[in-house]
PDB file of all heavy atoms in Angstrom:
ATOM      1  N   THR A   1       0.840  -1.196   0.000  1.00  0.00           N
ATOM      2  CA  THR A   1       0.000   0.000   0.000  1.00  0.00           C
ATOM      3  C   THR A   1       0.878   1.250   0.000  1.00  0.00           C
ATOM      4  O   THR A   1       2.001   1.233   0.508  1.00  0.00           O
ATOM      5  CB  THR A   1      -0.926   0.065   1.229  1.00  0.00           C
ATOM      6  OG1 THR A   1      -0.135   0.069   2.420  1.00  0.00           O
ATOM      7  CG2 THR A   1      -1.885  -1.117   1.258  1.00  0.00           C
ATOM      8  N   ASP A   2       0.351   2.323  -0.577  1.00  0.00           N
ATOM      9  CA  ASP A   2       1.010   3.629  -0.561  1.00  0.00           C
ATOM     10  C   ASP A   2      -0.097   4.675  -0.487  1.00  0.00           C
ATOM     11  O   ASP A   2      -0.602   5.138  -1.506  1.00  0.00           O
ATOM     12  CB  ASP A   2       1.876   3.812  -1.811  1.00  0.00           C
ATOM     13  CG  ASP A   2       2.775   5.041  -1.728  1.00  0.00           C
ATOM     14  OD1 ASP A   2       2.585   5.845  -0.801  1.00  0.00           O
ATOM     15  OD2 ASP A   2       3.652   5.185  -2.604  1.00  0.00           O
ATOM     16  N   TYR A   3      -0.484   5.031   0.736  1.00  0.00           N
ATOM     17  CA  TYR A   3      -1.681   5.818   0.974  1.00  0.00           C
ATOM     18  C   TYR A   3      -1.377   7.286   1.282  1.00  0.00           C
ATOM     19  O   TYR A   3      -0.275   7.633   1.728  1.00  0.00           O
ATOM     20  CB  TYR A   3      -2.465   5.246   2.159  1.00  0.00           C
ATOM     21  CG  TYR A   3      -3.128   3.903   1.910  1.00  0.00           C
ATOM     22  CD1 TYR A   3      -3.653   3.174   2.971  1.00  0.00           C
ATOM     23  CD2 TYR A   3      -3.252   3.369   0.630  1.00  0.00           C
ATOM     24  CE1 TYR A   3      -4.283   1.956   2.764  1.00  0.00           C
ATOM     25  CE2 TYR A   3      -3.870   2.157   0.419  1.00  0.00           C
ATOM     26  CZ  TYR A   3      -4.383   1.445   1.488  1.00  0.00           C
ATOM     27  OH  TYR A   3      -5.008   0.251   1.264  1.00  0.00           O
ATOM     28  N   ILE A   4      -2.389   8.121   1.084  1.00  0.00           N
ATOM     29  CA  ILE A   4      -2.352   9.515   1.525  1.00  0.00           C
ATOM     30  C   ILE A   4      -2.647   9.541   3.023  1.00  0.00           C
ATOM     31  O   ILE A   4      -3.685   9.018   3.449  1.00  0.00           O
ATOM     32  CB  ILE A   4      -3.411  10.352   0.782  1.00  0.00           C
ATOM     33  CG1 ILE A   4      -3.227  10.243  -0.736  1.00  0.00           C
ATOM     34  CG2 ILE A   4      -3.377  11.807   1.237  1.00  0.00           C
ATOM     35  CD1 ILE A   4      -4.433  10.721  -1.521  1.00  0.00           C
ATOM     36  N   PRO A   5      -1.768  10.114   3.872  1.00  0.00           N
ATOM     37  CA  PRO A   5      -2.047  10.157   5.315  1.00  0.00           C
ATOM     38  C   PRO A   5      -3.383  10.842   5.606  1.00  0.00           C
ATOM     39  O   PRO A   5      -3.784  11.785   4.911  1.00  0.00           O
ATOM     40  CB  PRO A   5      -0.876  10.972   5.873  1.00  0.00           C
ATOM     41  CG  PRO A   5       0.230  10.773   4.875  1.00  0.00           C
ATOM     42  CD  PRO A   5      -0.456  10.705   3.540  1.00  0.00           C
ATOM     43  N   TYR A   6      -4.067  10.346   6.629  1.00  0.00           N
ATOM     44  CA  TYR A   6      -5.442  10.776   6.853  1.00  0.00           C
ATOM     45  C   TYR A   6      -5.561  12.266   7.122  1.00  0.00           C
ATOM     46  O   TYR A   6      -6.545  12.903   6.723  1.00  0.00           O
ATOM     47  CB  TYR A   6      -6.086   9.959   7.978  1.00  0.00           C
ATOM     48  CG  TYR A   6      -5.678  10.331   9.384  1.00  0.00           C
ATOM     49  CD1 TYR A   6      -6.370  11.299  10.101  1.00  0.00           C
ATOM     50  CD2 TYR A   6      -4.599   9.695  10.007  1.00  0.00           C
ATOM     51  CE1 TYR A   6      -6.004  11.634  11.397  1.00  0.00           C
ATOM     52  CE2 TYR A   6      -4.228  10.026  11.292  1.00  0.00           C
ATOM     53  CZ  TYR A   6      -4.922  10.992  11.989  1.00  0.00           C
ATOM     54  OH  TYR A   6      -4.550  11.326  13.265  1.00  0.00           O
ATOM     55  N   GLU A   7      -4.577  12.867   7.797  1.00  0.00           N
ATOM     56  CA  GLU A   7      -4.664  14.300   8.075  1.00  0.00           C
ATOM     57  C   GLU A   7      -4.662  15.104   6.780  1.00  0.00           C
ATOM     58  O   GLU A   7      -5.440  16.047   6.608  1.00  0.00           O
ATOM     59  CB  GLU A   7      -3.488  14.761   8.950  1.00  0.00           C
ATOM     60  CG  GLU A   7      -3.352  14.017  10.266  1.00  0.00           C
ATOM     61  CD  GLU A   7      -2.307  12.910  10.176  1.00  0.00           C
ATOM     62  OE1 GLU A   7      -2.202  12.289   9.087  1.00  0.00           O
ATOM     63  OE2 GLU A   7      -1.609  12.688  11.178  1.00  0.00           O
ATOM     64  N   ILE A   8      -3.788  14.711   5.845  1.00  0.00           N
ATOM     65  CA  ILE A   8      -3.706  15.387   4.553  1.00  0.00           C
ATOM     66  C   ILE A   8      -4.967  15.115   3.736  1.00  0.00           C
ATOM     67  O   ILE A   8      -5.508  16.011   3.077  1.00  0.00           O
ATOM     68  CB  ILE A   8      -2.443  14.930   3.794  1.00  0.00           C
ATOM     69  CG1 ILE A   8      -1.193  15.374   4.560  1.00  0.00           C
ATOM     70  CG2 ILE A   8      -2.431  15.468   2.368  1.00  0.00           C
ATOM     71  CD1 ILE A   8       0.095  14.796   4.019  1.00  0.00           C
ATOM     72  N   ALA A   9      -5.457  13.883   3.789  1.00  0.00           N
ATOM     73  CA  ALA A   9      -6.676  13.532   3.057  1.00  0.00           C
ATOM     74  C   ALA A   9      -7.861  14.354   3.552  1.00  0.00           C
ATOM     75  O   ALA A   9      -8.644  14.892   2.748  1.00  0.00           O
ATOM     76  CB  ALA A   9      -6.959  12.042   3.216  1.00  0.00           C
ATOM     77  N   ALA A  10      -8.012  14.477   4.869  1.00  0.00           N
ATOM     78  CA  ALA A  10      -9.136  15.232   5.434  1.00  0.00           C
ATOM     79  C   ALA A  10      -9.030  16.713   5.078  1.00  0.00           C
ATOM     80  O   ALA A  10     -10.021  17.345   4.677  1.00  0.00           O
ATOM     81  CB  ALA A  10      -9.178  15.047   6.947  1.00  0.00           C
ATOM     82  N   ASP A  11      -7.847  17.285   5.227  1.00  0.00           N
ATOM     83  CA  ASP A  11      -7.653  18.701   4.898  1.00  0.00           C
ATOM     84  C   ASP A  11      -7.937  18.955   3.415  1.00  0.00           C
ATOM     85  O   ASP A  11      -8.528  19.978   3.046  1.00  0.00           O
ATOM     86  CB  ASP A  11      -6.218  19.135   5.217  1.00  0.00           C
ATOM     87  CG  ASP A  11      -5.936  19.204   6.709  1.00  0.00           C
ATOM     88  OD1 ASP A  11      -6.902  19.155   7.500  1.00  0.00           O
ATOM     89  OD2 ASP A  11      -4.745  19.298   7.078  1.00  0.00           O
ATOM     90  N   THR A  12      -7.515  18.029   2.564  1.00  0.00           N
ATOM     91  CA  THR A  12      -7.717  18.197   1.124  1.00  0.00           C
ATOM     92  C   THR A  12      -9.188  18.103   0.760  1.00  0.00           C
ATOM     93  O   THR A  12      -9.696  18.892  -0.056  1.00  0.00           O
ATOM     94  CB  THR A  12      -6.904  17.144   0.353  1.00  0.00           C
ATOM     95  OG1 THR A  12      -5.528  17.263   0.699  1.00  0.00           O
ATOM     96  CG2 THR A  12      -7.055  17.338  -1.150  1.00  0.00           C
ATOM     97  N   MET A  13      -9.900  17.157   1.341  1.00  0.00           N
ATOM     98  CA  MET A  13     -11.331  17.051   1.073  1.00  0.00           C
ATOM     99  C   MET A  13     -12.054  18.311   1.552  1.00  0.00           C
ATOM    100  O   MET A  13     -12.967  18.806   0.877  1.00  0.00           O
ATOM    101  CB  MET A  13     -11.919  15.817   1.745  1.00  0.00           C
ATOM    102  CG  MET A  13     -11.485  14.500   1.133  1.00  0.00           C
ATOM    103  SD  MET A  13     -11.787  14.384  -0.651  1.00  0.00           S
ATOM    104  CE  MET A  13     -13.568  14.527  -0.728  1.00  0.00           C
ATOM    105  N   GLU A  14     -11.645  18.841   2.682  1.00  0.00           N
ATOM    106  CA  GLU A  14     -12.240  20.078   3.187  1.00  0.00           C
ATOM    107  C   GLU A  14     -12.029  21.208   2.178  1.00  0.00           C
ATOM    108  O   GLU A  14     -12.939  22.001   1.911  1.00  0.00           O
ATOM    109  CB  GLU A  14     -11.598  20.432   4.535  1.00  0.00           C
ATOM    110  CG  GLU A  14     -12.474  21.246   5.448  1.00  0.00           C
ATOM    111  CD  GLU A  14     -11.998  21.144   6.891  1.00  0.00           C
ATOM    112  OE1 GLU A  14     -10.809  21.462   7.138  1.00  0.00           O
ATOM    113  OE2 GLU A  14     -12.793  20.729   7.751  1.00  0.00           O
ATOM    114  N   ARG A  15     -10.843  21.259   1.616  1.00  0.00           N
ATOM    115  CA  ARG A  15     -10.518  22.272   0.594  1.00  0.00           C
ATOM    116  C   ARG A  15     -11.370  22.068  -0.658  1.00  0.00           C
ATOM    117  O   ARG A  15     -11.938  23.018  -1.207  1.00  0.00           O
ATOM    118  CB  ARG A  15      -9.020  22.160   0.267  1.00  0.00           C
ATOM    119  CG  ARG A  15      -8.571  22.713  -1.079  1.00  0.00           C
ATOM    120  CD  ARG A  15      -8.413  24.210  -1.047  1.00  0.00           C
ATOM    121  NE  ARG A  15      -8.008  24.723  -2.346  1.00  0.00           N
ATOM    122  CZ  ARG A  15      -8.857  25.046  -3.323  1.00  0.00           C
ATOM    123  NH1 ARG A  15     -10.172  24.886  -3.144  1.00  0.00           N
ATOM    124  NH2 ARG A  15      -8.413  25.528  -4.473  1.00  0.00           N
ATOM    125  N   LEU A  16     -11.479  20.843  -1.127  1.00  0.00           N
ATOM    126  CA  LEU A  16     -12.158  20.573  -2.390  1.00  0.00           C
ATOM    127  C   LEU A  16     -13.672  20.740  -2.301  1.00  0.00           C
ATOM    128  O   LEU A  16     -14.319  21.083  -3.285  1.00  0.00           O
ATOM    129  CB  LEU A  16     -11.825  19.160  -2.866  1.00  0.00           C
ATOM    130  CG  LEU A  16     -10.368  18.935  -3.282  1.00  0.00           C
ATOM    131  CD1 LEU A  16     -10.129  17.469  -3.614  1.00  0.00           C
ATOM    132  CD2 LEU A  16     -10.000  19.820  -4.471  1.00  0.00           C
ATOM    133  N   LEU A  17     -14.234  20.498  -1.132  1.00  0.00           N
ATOM    134  CA  LEU A  17     -15.681  20.623  -0.971  1.00  0.00           C
ATOM    135  C   LEU A  17     -16.155  22.072  -1.093  1.00  0.00           C
ATOM    136  O   LEU A  17     -17.365  22.330  -1.192  1.00  0.00           O
ATOM    137  CB  LEU A  17     -16.114  20.029   0.370  1.00  0.00           C
ATOM    138  CG  LEU A  17     -16.062  18.491   0.442  1.00  0.00           C
ATOM    139  CD1 LEU A  17     -16.283  17.999   1.866  1.00  0.00           C
ATOM    140  CD2 LEU A  17     -17.075  17.866  -0.511  1.00  0.00           C
ATOM    141  N   LYS A  18     -15.231  23.011  -1.129  1.00  0.00           N
ATOM    142  CA  LYS A  18     -15.581  24.422  -1.331  1.00  0.00           C
ATOM    143  C   LYS A  18     -15.714  24.773  -2.811  1.00  0.00           C
ATOM    144  O   LYS A  18     -16.185  25.855  -3.152  1.00  0.00           O
ATOM    145  CB  LYS A  18     -14.514  25.313  -0.682  1.00  0.00           C
ATOM    146  CG  LYS A  18     -14.391  25.155   0.825  1.00  0.00           C
ATOM    147  CD  LYS A  18     -13.238  25.981   1.372  1.00  0.00           C
ATOM    148  CE  LYS A  18     -13.081  25.779   2.875  1.00  0.00           C
ATOM    149  NZ  LYS A  18     -11.915  26.531   3.427  1.00  0.00           N
ATOM    150  N   GLU A  19     -15.261  23.858  -3.682  1.00  0.00           N
ATOM    151  CA  GLU A  19     -15.281  24.107  -5.112  1.00  0.00           C
ATOM    152  C   GLU A  19     -16.524  23.494  -5.766  1.00  0.00           C
ATOM    153  O   GLU A  19     -17.131  22.568  -5.232  1.00  0.00           O
ATOM    154  CB  GLU A  19     -14.027  23.521  -5.770  1.00  0.00           C
ATOM    155  CG  GLU A  19     -12.714  24.070  -5.229  1.00  0.00           C
ATOM    156  CD  GLU A  19     -12.452  25.499  -5.683  1.00  0.00           C
ATOM    157  OE1 GLU A  19     -13.197  26.025  -6.540  1.00  0.00           O
ATOM    158  OE2 GLU A  19     -11.481  26.099  -5.176  1.00  0.00           O
ATOM    159  N   GLU A  20     -16.867  24.001  -6.944  1.00  0.00           N
ATOM    160  CA  GLU A  20     -18.013  23.476  -7.683  1.00  0.00           C
ATOM    161  C   GLU A  20     -17.562  22.289  -8.541  1.00  0.00           C
ATOM    162  O   GLU A  20     -17.471  22.358  -9.766  1.00  0.00           O
ATOM    163  CB  GLU A  20     -18.628  24.574  -8.547  1.00  0.00           C
ATOM    164  CG  GLU A  20     -19.296  25.668  -7.725  1.00  0.00           C
ATOM    165  CD  GLU A  20     -20.043  26.662  -8.580  1.00  0.00           C
ATOM    166  OE1 GLU A  20     -20.202  26.413  -9.800  1.00  0.00           O
ATOM    167  OE2 GLU A  20     -20.479  27.684  -8.043  1.00  0.00           O
ATOM    168  N   ILE A  21     -17.270  21.196  -7.856  1.00  0.00           N
ATOM    169  CA  ILE A  21     -16.823  19.958  -8.495  1.00  0.00           C
ATOM    170  C   ILE A  21     -17.529  18.783  -7.828  1.00  0.00           C
ATOM    171  O   ILE A  21     -18.178  18.938  -6.791  1.00  0.00           O
ATOM    172  CB  ILE A  21     -15.284  19.772  -8.377  1.00  0.00           C
ATOM    173  CG1 ILE A  21     -14.868  19.664  -6.905  1.00  0.00           C
ATOM    174  CG2 ILE A  21     -14.542  20.892  -9.062  1.00  0.00           C
ATOM    175  CD1 ILE A  21     -13.395  19.354  -6.706  1.00  0.00           C
ATOM    176  N   LEU A  22     -17.395  17.626  -8.442  1.00  0.00           N
ATOM    177  CA  LEU A  22     -17.857  16.385  -7.828  1.00  0.00           C
ATOM    178  C   LEU A  22     -16.611  15.637  -7.377  1.00  0.00           C
ATOM    179  O   LEU A  22     -15.766  15.278  -8.200  1.00  0.00           O
ATOM    180  CB  LEU A  22     -18.643  15.550  -8.826  1.00  0.00           C
ATOM    181  CG  LEU A  22     -19.298  14.269  -8.292  1.00  0.00           C
ATOM    182  CD1 LEU A  22     -20.357  14.599  -7.241  1.00  0.00           C
ATOM    183  CD2 LEU A  22     -19.915  13.473  -9.428  1.00  0.00           C
ATOM    184  N   THR A  23     -16.467  15.435  -6.082  1.00  0.00           N
ATOM    185  CA  THR A  23     -15.259  14.808  -5.563  1.00  0.00           C
ATOM    186  C   THR A  23     -15.601  13.682  -4.600  1.00  0.00           C
ATOM    187  O   THR A  23     -16.600  13.743  -3.875  1.00  0.00           O
ATOM    188  CB  THR A  23     -14.351  15.847  -4.867  1.00  0.00           C
ATOM    189  OG1 THR A  23     -13.136  15.227  -4.425  1.00  0.00           O
ATOM    190  CG2 THR A  23     -15.049  16.486  -3.678  1.00  0.00           C
ATOM    191  N   ASP A  24     -14.789  12.632  -4.627  1.00  0.00           N
ATOM    192  CA  ASP A  24     -14.955  11.514  -3.699  1.00  0.00           C
ATOM    193  C   ASP A  24     -13.580  10.973  -3.334  1.00  0.00           C
ATOM    194  O   ASP A  24     -12.560  11.419  -3.871  1.00  0.00           O
ATOM    195  CB  ASP A  24     -15.855  10.423  -4.280  1.00  0.00           C
ATOM    196  CG  ASP A  24     -15.502  10.055  -5.713  1.00  0.00           C
ATOM    197  OD1 ASP A  24     -14.304   9.923  -6.009  1.00  0.00           O
ATOM    198  OD2 ASP A  24     -16.411   9.898  -6.541  1.00  0.00           O
TER     199      ASP A  24
END
C-alpha cells in the first residue's frame, strides 16, 4: 500500500468541498 495520510486527506477534502466539483 502507498496511501495519503489521513490528516492530509481530510484537509484536502475540506478544501475541495468548497469548489463546484464532484469529488470523492
